[in-house]
C-alpha atoms as a PDB file:
ATOM      1  CA  UNK A   1      91.341 173.191  57.609  1.00  0.00           C
ATOM      2  CA  UNK A   2      90.305 169.579  57.870  1.00  0.00           C
ATOM      3  CA  UNK A   3      89.401 168.252  61.310  1.00  0.00           C
ATOM      4  CA  UNK A   4      89.532 164.474  61.872  1.00  0.00           C
ATOM      5  CA  UNK A   5      87.345 162.850  64.546  1.00  0.00           C
ATOM      6  CA  UNK A   6      89.149 161.754  67.700  1.00  0.00           C
ATOM      7  CA  UNK A   7      89.959 158.015  67.892  1.00  0.00           C
ATOM      8  CA  UNK A   8      89.432 155.917  70.988  1.00  0.00           C
ATOM      9  CA  UNK A   9      92.625 154.919  72.674  1.00  0.00           C
ATOM     10  CA  UNK A  10      93.515 151.254  72.131  1.00  0.00           C
ATOM     11  CA  UNK A  11      94.892 149.672  75.315  1.00  0.00           C
ATOM     12  CA  UNK A  12      98.389 148.379  74.934  1.00  0.00           C
ATOM     13  CA  UNK A  13      99.499 144.950  75.989  1.00  0.00           C
ATOM     14  CA  UNK A  14     101.020 146.452  79.112  1.00  0.00           C
ATOM     15  CA  UNK A  15      97.569 147.459  80.331  1.00  0.00           C
ATOM     16  CA  UNK A  16      96.182 143.917  79.990  1.00  0.00           C
ATOM     17  CA  UNK A  17      96.359 141.441  82.860  1.00  0.00           C
ATOM     18  CA  UNK A  18      99.358 139.086  82.662  1.00  0.00           C
ATOM     19  CA  UNK A  19      97.221 136.025  81.886  1.00  0.00           C
ATOM     20  CA  UNK A  20      95.519 137.739  78.946  1.00  0.00           C
ATOM     21  CA  UNK A  21      98.736 138.328  77.023  1.00  0.00           C
ATOM     22  CA  UNK A  22      99.742 135.113  75.208  1.00  0.00           C
ATOM     23  CA  UNK A  23     103.417 134.373  75.197  1.00  0.00           C
ATOM     24  CA  UNK A  24     104.507 133.904  71.603  1.00  0.00           C
ATOM     25  CA  UNK A  25     106.852 131.001  72.388  1.00  0.00           C
ATOM     26  CA  UNK A  26     104.675 129.025  74.814  1.00  0.00           C
ATOM     27  CA  UNK A  27     101.656 129.318  72.544  1.00  0.00           C
ATOM     28  CA  UNK A  28     103.587 127.886  69.633  1.00  0.00           C
ATOM     29  CA  UNK A  29     105.446 125.117  71.461  1.00  0.00           C
ATOM     30  CA  UNK A  30     102.585 123.523  73.391  1.00  0.00           C
ATOM     31  CA  UNK A  31     103.171 120.785  76.003  1.00  0.00           C
ATOM     32  CA  UNK A  32     106.703 119.489  76.380  1.00  0.00           C
ATOM     33  CA  UNK A  33     107.366 116.105  74.835  1.00  0.00           C
ATOM     34  CA  UNK A  34     109.522 113.450  76.481  1.00  0.00           C
ATOM     35  CA  UNK A  35     112.951 112.965  75.047  1.00  0.00           C
ATOM     36  CA  UNK A  36     113.716 109.756  73.101  1.00  0.00           C
ATOM     37  CA  UNK A  37     115.840 108.562  76.019  1.00  0.00           C
ATOM     38  CA  UNK A  38     112.999 109.072  78.514  1.00  0.00           C
ATOM     39  CA  UNK A  39     110.584 107.315  76.177  1.00  0.00           C
ATOM     40  CA  UNK A  40     112.941 104.334  75.806  1.00  0.00           C
ATOM     41  CA  UNK A  41     113.402 104.091  79.575  1.00  0.00           C
ATOM     42  CA  UNK A  42     109.665 104.148  80.173  1.00  0.00           C
ATOM     43  CA  UNK A  43     109.063 101.474  77.548  1.00  0.00           C
ATOM     44  CA  UNK A  44     111.789  99.285  79.030  1.00  0.00           C
ATOM     45  CA  UNK A  45     110.314  99.687  82.521  1.00  0.00           C
ATOM     46  CA  UNK A  46     106.849  98.760  81.235  1.00  0.00           C
ATOM     47  CA  UNK A  47     108.187  95.642  79.511  1.00  0.00           C
ATOM     48  CA  UNK A  48     110.063  94.678  82.660  1.00  0.00           C
ATOM     49  CA  UNK A  49     106.939  95.082  84.776  1.00  0.00           C
ATOM     50  CA  UNK A  50     104.929  92.881  82.407  1.00  0.00           C
ATOM     51  CA  UNK A  51     107.628  90.196  82.400  1.00  0.00           C
ATOM     52  CA  UNK A  52     107.834  90.248  86.182  1.00  0.00           C
ATOM     53  CA  UNK A  53     104.064  89.980  86.491  1.00  0.00           C
ATOM     54  CA  UNK A  54     104.071  86.979  84.151  1.00  0.00           C
ATOM     55  CA  UNK A  55     106.875  85.363  86.152  1.00  0.00           C
ATOM     56  CA  UNK A  56     104.914  85.795  89.368  1.00  0.00           C
ATOM     57  CA  UNK A  57     101.860  84.233  87.748  1.00  0.00           C
ATOM     58  CA  UNK A  58     103.900  81.181  86.719  1.00  0.00           C
ATOM     59  CA  UNK A  59     105.127  80.716  90.279  1.00  0.00           C
ATOM     60  CA  UNK A  60     101.624  81.150  91.680  1.00  0.00           C
ATOM     61  CA  UNK A  61     100.352  78.529  89.261  1.00  0.00           C
ATOM     62  CA  UNK A  62     102.548  75.920  90.937  1.00  0.00           C
ATOM     63  CA  UNK A  63     100.927  76.614  94.307  1.00  0.00           C
ATOM     64  CA  UNK A  64      97.521  75.626  92.957  1.00  0.00           C
ATOM     65  CA  UNK A  65      98.649  72.029  93.439  1.00  0.00           C
ATOM     66  CA  UNK A  66      98.889  72.485  97.213  1.00  0.00           C
ATOM     67  CA  UNK A  67      95.155  72.602  97.839  1.00  0.00           C
ATOM     68  CA  UNK A  68      92.832  74.822  99.905  1.00  0.00           C
ATOM     69  CA  UNK A  69      94.931  74.564 103.076  1.00  0.00           C
ATOM     70  CA  UNK A  70      97.437  76.999 101.542  1.00  0.00           C
ATOM     71  CA  UNK A  71      96.945  80.748 101.220  1.00  0.00           C
ATOM     72  CA  UNK A  72      98.801  83.255  99.049  1.00  0.00           C
ATOM     73  CA  UNK A  73      98.853  86.835 100.344  1.00  0.00           C
ATOM     74  CA  UNK A  74     100.172  89.970  98.668  1.00  0.00           C
ATOM     75  CA  UNK A  75     102.010  92.203 101.095  1.00  0.00           C
ATOM     76  CA  UNK A  76     104.079  95.417 100.906  1.00  0.00           C
ATOM     77  CA  UNK A  77     107.673  94.204 100.781  1.00  0.00           C
ATOM     78  CA  UNK A  78     109.011  97.788 100.890  1.00  0.00           C
ATOM     79  CA  UNK A  79     108.803  99.913 104.011  1.00  0.00           C
ATOM     80  CA  UNK A  80     108.438 103.688 104.172  1.00  0.00           C
ATOM     81  CA  UNK A  81     112.191 104.326 104.286  1.00  0.00           C
ATOM     82  CA  UNK A  82     112.805 102.352 101.115  1.00  0.00           C
ATOM     83  CA  UNK A  83     109.969 104.119  99.324  1.00  0.00           C
ATOM     84  CA  UNK A  84     111.950 107.361  99.615  1.00  0.00           C
ATOM     85  CA  UNK A  85     114.994 105.716  98.048  1.00  0.00           C
ATOM     86  CA  UNK A  86     113.126 103.629  95.472  1.00  0.00           C
ATOM     87  CA  UNK A  87     114.256 104.294  91.910  1.00  0.00           C
ATOM     88  CA  UNK A  88     111.372 102.375  90.343  1.00  0.00           C
ATOM     89  CA  UNK A  89     113.569  99.589  89.007  1.00  0.00           C
ATOM     90  CA  UNK A  90     112.697  96.762  91.371  1.00  0.00           C
ATOM     91  CA  UNK A  91     113.230  93.546  89.416  1.00  0.00           C
ATOM     92  CA  UNK A  92     111.635  91.272  91.994  1.00  0.00           C
ATOM     93  CA  UNK A  93     108.126  90.186  92.828  1.00  0.00           C
ATOM     94  CA  UNK A  94     106.929  88.449  95.942  1.00  0.00           C
ATOM     95  CA  UNK A  95     104.121  87.148  98.110  1.00  0.00           C
ATOM     96  CA  UNK A  96     103.473  85.323 101.365  1.00  0.00           C
ATOM     97  CA  UNK A  97     102.631  81.624 101.262  1.00  0.00           C
ATOM     98  CA  UNK A  98     100.898  80.357 104.409  1.00  0.00           C
ATOM     99  CA  UNK A  99     100.031  76.718 104.936  1.00  0.00           C
ATOM    100  CA  UNK A 100     100.505  73.701 107.213  1.00  0.00           C
ATOM    101  CA  UNK A 101     104.277  73.862 106.664  1.00  0.00           C
ATOM    102  CA  UNK A 102     104.482  77.409 108.033  1.00  0.00           C
ATOM    103  CA  UNK A 103     104.909  80.923 106.676  1.00  0.00           C
ATOM    104  CA  UNK A 104     107.149  81.692 103.712  1.00  0.00           C
ATOM    105  CA  UNK A 105     108.156  85.011 102.166  1.00  0.00           C
ATOM    106  CA  UNK A 106     108.576  84.063  98.504  1.00  0.00           C
ATOM    107  CA  UNK A 107     110.743  86.315  96.333  1.00  0.00           C
ATOM    108  CA  UNK A 108     110.435  85.866  92.558  1.00  0.00           C
ATOM    109  CA  UNK A 109     113.391  86.611  90.264  1.00  0.00           C
ATOM    110  CA  UNK A 110     112.875  86.501  86.490  1.00  0.00           C
ATOM    111  CA  UNK A 111     116.215  85.651  84.863  1.00  0.00           C
ATOM    112  CA  UNK A 112     114.834  84.862  81.402  1.00  0.00           C
ATOM    113  CA  UNK A 113     117.348  82.947  79.291  1.00  0.00           C
ATOM    114  CA  UNK A 114     120.354  84.144  81.265  1.00  0.00           C
ATOM    115  CA  UNK A 115     122.502  81.669  83.152  1.00  0.00           C
ATOM    116  CA  UNK A 116     122.384  81.850  86.936  1.00  0.00           C
ATOM    117  CA  UNK A 117     125.347  81.039  89.169  1.00  0.00           C
ATOM    118  CA  UNK A 118     124.706  80.458  92.870  1.00  0.00           C
ATOM    119  CA  UNK A 119     127.472  80.139  95.453  1.00  0.00           C
ATOM    120  CA  UNK A 120     126.148  80.573  98.969  1.00  0.00           C
ATOM    121  CA  UNK A 121     124.868  84.120  99.372  1.00  0.00           C
ATOM    122  CA  UNK A 122     126.197  85.140  95.939  1.00  0.00           C
ATOM    123  CA  UNK A 123     123.839  85.094  92.941  1.00  0.00           C
ATOM    124  CA  UNK A 124     125.337  86.084  89.585  1.00  0.00           C
ATOM    125  CA  UNK A 125     123.219  86.836  86.506  1.00  0.00           C
ATOM    126  CA  UNK A 126     124.677  88.360  83.326  1.00  0.00           C
ATOM    127  CA  UNK A 127     127.873  89.211  85.151  1.00  0.00           C
ATOM    128  CA  UNK A 128     126.031  91.139  87.871  1.00  0.00           C
ATOM    129  CA  UNK A 129     125.628  90.123  91.497  1.00  0.00           C
ATOM    130  CA  UNK A 130     122.390  91.596  92.853  1.00  0.00           C
ATOM    131  CA  UNK A 131     121.820  91.024  96.586  1.00  0.00           C
ATOM    132  CA  UNK A 132     118.819  88.748  96.091  1.00  0.00           C
ATOM    133  CA  UNK A 133     119.573  86.478  99.050  1.00  0.00           C
ATOM    134  CA  UNK A 134     120.098  89.378 101.441  1.00  0.00           C
ATOM    135  CA  UNK A 135     116.900  91.061 100.246  1.00  0.00           C
ATOM    136  CA  UNK A 136     114.914  87.836 100.624  1.00  0.00           C
ATOM    137  CA  UNK A 137     116.118  87.495 104.215  1.00  0.00           C
ATOM    138  CA  UNK A 138     115.285  91.125 104.913  1.00  0.00           C
ATOM    139  CA  UNK A 139     111.760  90.722 103.544  1.00  0.00           C
ATOM    140  CA  UNK A 140     111.207  87.616 105.667  1.00  0.00           C
ATOM    141  CA  UNK A 141     112.392  89.439 108.806  1.00  0.00           C
ATOM    142  CA  UNK A 142     110.012  92.315 108.108  1.00  0.00           C
ATOM    143  CA  UNK A 143     107.108  89.953 107.570  1.00  0.00           C
ATOM    144  CA  UNK A 144     107.929  88.010 110.731  1.00  0.00           C
ATOM    145  CA  UNK A 145     108.215  91.186 112.793  1.00  0.00           C
ATOM    146  CA  UNK A 146     104.878  92.541 111.569  1.00  0.00           C
ATOM    147  CA  UNK A 147     103.059  89.230 112.009  1.00  0.00           C
ATOM    148  CA  UNK A 148     104.542  88.682 115.472  1.00  0.00           C
ATOM    149  CA  UNK A 149     103.455  92.153 116.585  1.00  0.00           C
ATOM    150  CA  UNK A 150      99.934  91.566 115.276  1.00  0.00           C
ATOM    151  CA  UNK A 151      99.457  88.108 116.799  1.00  0.00           C
ATOM    152  CA  UNK A 152     101.376  88.609 120.025  1.00  0.00           C
ATOM    153  CA  UNK A 153     103.527  85.497 119.526  1.00  0.00           C
ATOM    154  CA  UNK A 154     106.810  84.954 117.682  1.00  0.00           C
ATOM    155  CA  UNK A 155     105.931  84.042 114.099  1.00  0.00           C
ATOM    156  CA  UNK A 156     108.872  82.667 112.103  1.00  0.00           C
ATOM    157  CA  UNK A 157     108.826  83.475 108.391  1.00  0.00           C
ATOM    158  CA  UNK A 158     111.181  81.578 106.087  1.00  0.00           C
ATOM    159  CA  UNK A 159     112.685  83.360 103.054  1.00  0.00           C
ATOM    160  CA  UNK A 160     112.343  81.552  99.724  1.00  0.00           C
ATOM    161  CA  UNK A 161     114.160  82.713  96.588  1.00  0.00           C
ATOM    162  CA  UNK A 162     112.449  81.421  93.438  1.00  0.00           C
ATOM    163  CA  UNK A 163     113.897  81.684  89.925  1.00  0.00           C
ATOM    164  CA  UNK A 164     111.656  81.889  86.866  1.00  0.00           C
ATOM    165  CA  UNK A 165     113.236  81.453  83.447  1.00  0.00           C
ATOM    166  CA  UNK A 166     114.680  79.017  80.938  1.00  0.00           C
ATOM    167  CA  UNK A 167     118.369  79.710  81.547  1.00  0.00           C
ATOM    168  CA  UNK A 168     120.664  77.177  83.195  1.00  0.00           C
ATOM    169  CA  UNK A 169     121.055  77.434  86.981  1.00  0.00           C
ATOM    170  CA  UNK A 170     124.391  76.238  88.374  1.00  0.00           C
ATOM    171  CA  UNK A 171     124.568  75.823  92.147  1.00  0.00           C
ATOM    172  CA  UNK A 172     127.940  75.541  93.893  1.00  0.00           C
ATOM    173  CA  UNK A 173     126.505  75.903  97.382  1.00  0.00           C
ATOM    174  CA  UNK A 174     123.147  76.905  98.842  1.00  0.00           C
ATOM    175  CA  UNK A 175     122.757  79.917 101.141  1.00  0.00           C
ATOM    176  CA  UNK A 176     122.045  79.484 104.826  1.00  0.00           C
ATOM    177  CA  UNK A 177     118.675  80.438 106.300  1.00  0.00           C
ATOM    178  CA  UNK A 178     117.209  80.945 102.830  1.00  0.00           C
ATOM    179  CA  UNK A 179     115.459  78.323 100.727  1.00  0.00           C
ATOM    180  CA  UNK A 180     115.968  78.329  96.967  1.00  0.00           C
ATOM    181  CA  UNK A 181     114.231  76.648  94.033  1.00  0.00           C
ATOM    182  CA  UNK A 182     112.917  77.141  90.528  1.00  0.00           C
ATOM    183  CA  UNK A 183     109.247  77.957  90.080  1.00  0.00           C
ATOM    184  CA  UNK A 184     108.583  74.372  88.934  1.00  0.00           C
ATOM    185  CA  UNK A 185     109.849  73.051  92.276  1.00  0.00           C
ATOM    186  CA  UNK A 186     108.236  75.680  94.500  1.00  0.00           C
ATOM    187  CA  UNK A 187     105.224  73.623  95.589  1.00  0.00           C
ATOM    188  CA  UNK A 188     107.353  70.606  96.520  1.00  0.00           C
ATOM    189  CA  UNK A 189     109.824  72.806  98.376  1.00  0.00           C
ATOM    190  CA  UNK A 190     107.154  74.386 100.570  1.00  0.00           C
ATOM    191  CA  UNK A 191     105.697  71.065 101.730  1.00  0.00           C
ATOM    192  CA  UNK A 192     109.067  69.350 102.215  1.00  0.00           C
ATOM    193  CA  UNK A 193     109.259  70.452 105.858  1.00  0.00           C
ATOM    194  CA  UNK A 194     106.116  68.574 106.861  1.00  0.00           C
ATOM    195  CA  UNK A 195     103.135  69.868 108.818  1.00  0.00           C
ATOM    196  CA  UNK A 196     103.942  72.313 111.607  1.00  0.00           C
ATOM    197  CA  UNK A 197     100.629  74.132 112.079  1.00  0.00           C
ATOM    198  CA  UNK A 198      97.046  73.096 111.547  1.00  0.00           C
ATOM    199  CA  UNK A 199      95.000  74.263 108.548  1.00  0.00           C
ATOM    200  CA  UNK A 200      92.820  76.263 110.958  1.00  0.00           C
ATOM    201  CA  UNK A 201      95.839  78.131 112.314  1.00  0.00           C
ATOM    202  CA  UNK A 202      97.090  78.735 108.779  1.00  0.00           C
ATOM    203  CA  UNK A 203      93.737  80.267 107.869  1.00  0.00           C
ATOM    204  CA  UNK A 204      93.818  82.544 110.923  1.00  0.00           C
ATOM    205  CA  UNK A 205      97.323  83.710 110.059  1.00  0.00           C
ATOM    206  CA  UNK A 206      96.212  84.380 106.502  1.00  0.00           C
ATOM    207  CA  UNK A 207      93.433  86.607 107.835  1.00  0.00           C
ATOM    208  CA  UNK A 208      95.978  88.551 109.880  1.00  0.00           C
ATOM    209  CA  UNK A 209      98.266  88.922 106.863  1.00  0.00           C
ATOM    210  CA  UNK A 210      95.384  90.206 104.731  1.00  0.00           C
ATOM    211  CA  UNK A 211      94.526  92.969 107.196  1.00  0.00           C
ATOM    212  CA  UNK A 212      96.091  96.312 106.130  1.00  0.00           C
ATOM    213  CA  UNK A 213      96.721  97.286 109.748  1.00  0.00           C
ATOM    214  CA  UNK A 214      99.232  94.466 110.090  1.00  0.00           C
ATOM    215  CA  UNK A 215     101.610  96.168 107.657  1.00  0.00           C
ATOM    216  CA  UNK A 216     100.739  99.850 107.962  1.00  0.00           C
ATOM    217  CA  UNK A 217     100.439 100.539 111.667  1.00  0.00           C
ATOM    218  CA  UNK A 218     101.119  97.275 113.452  1.00  0.00           C
ATOM    219  CA  UNK A 219      98.127  97.943 115.725  1.00  0.00           C
ATOM    220  CA  UNK A 220      95.888  95.155 114.458  1.00  0.00           C
ATOM    221  CA  UNK A 221      94.994  92.659 117.159  1.00  0.00           C
ATOM    222  CA  UNK A 222      92.979  89.580 116.184  1.00  0.00           C
ATOM    223  CA  UNK A 223      90.163  88.602 118.482  1.00  0.00           C
ATOM    224  CA  UNK A 224      90.645  84.874 117.848  1.00  0.00           C
ATOM    225  CA  UNK A 225      92.593  82.745 120.309  1.00  0.00           C
ATOM    226  CA  UNK A 226      95.844  81.504 118.777  1.00  0.00           C
ATOM    227  CA  UNK A 227      97.322  78.333 120.181  1.00  0.00           C
ATOM    228  CA  UNK A 228     100.803  77.263 119.215  1.00  0.00           C
ATOM    229  CA  UNK A 229     102.344  73.820 119.367  1.00  0.00           C
ATOM    230  CA  UNK A 230     105.736  72.274 119.764  1.00  0.00           C
ATOM    231  CA  UNK A 231     107.973  71.531 116.811  1.00  0.00           C
ATOM    232  CA  UNK A 232     106.464  68.846 114.638  1.00  0.00           C
ATOM    233  CA  UNK A 233     103.014  68.952 116.269  1.00  0.00           C
ATOM    234  CA  UNK A 234      99.822  70.246 114.770  1.00  0.00           C
ATOM    235  CA  UNK A 235      96.486  71.042 116.307  1.00  0.00           C
ATOM    236  CA  UNK A 236      93.471  73.270 116.246  1.00  0.00           C
END
């Protein structure tokens, strides 16, 4: 009779910890790849962001002609409620322009080669009517509310809708309480109202606008003494 030596028991896969057993499908597939549709959407969004950034730079270039008395401030145009509803497709850019003529919330719209039709509050581009005028007014109200709370005085902020592109712009009526111009006319539009505040006051307001607390918490209080003047007067 032949006697074979006893073999050591080999543990089955059931005896191994769950992480030690490779899944045959996950090991072969690797990380999930984006679908062609997702890839195309991401590429389109990236191109749109680059175009919008270039449009904003063209508008900012016009403000270089205004001199050192003017200040350009980036500010969060979207509040916390809109961040929850944001779909990542904002086709506008914007900034605050502060100078002797006052405070302006400038909204940049890049229309490219498309024709623009303007009739009061209605703006039509490529057959669509985005609420650009209403959004520009809303942004200006938000900026004015935040600045007024920070300074302790009512600070009016004027909305300005600026178009960047080579397409024809046909105007059949301008909107009320909202200024409008192309980026080539932006510098002349901002100074058309004359001097309403002094350069010193404009610089102080720019410092308030640059402080993060002005937009995040509304608790920022400047230590400087702000003095305001009647319509048409300037001072220090």
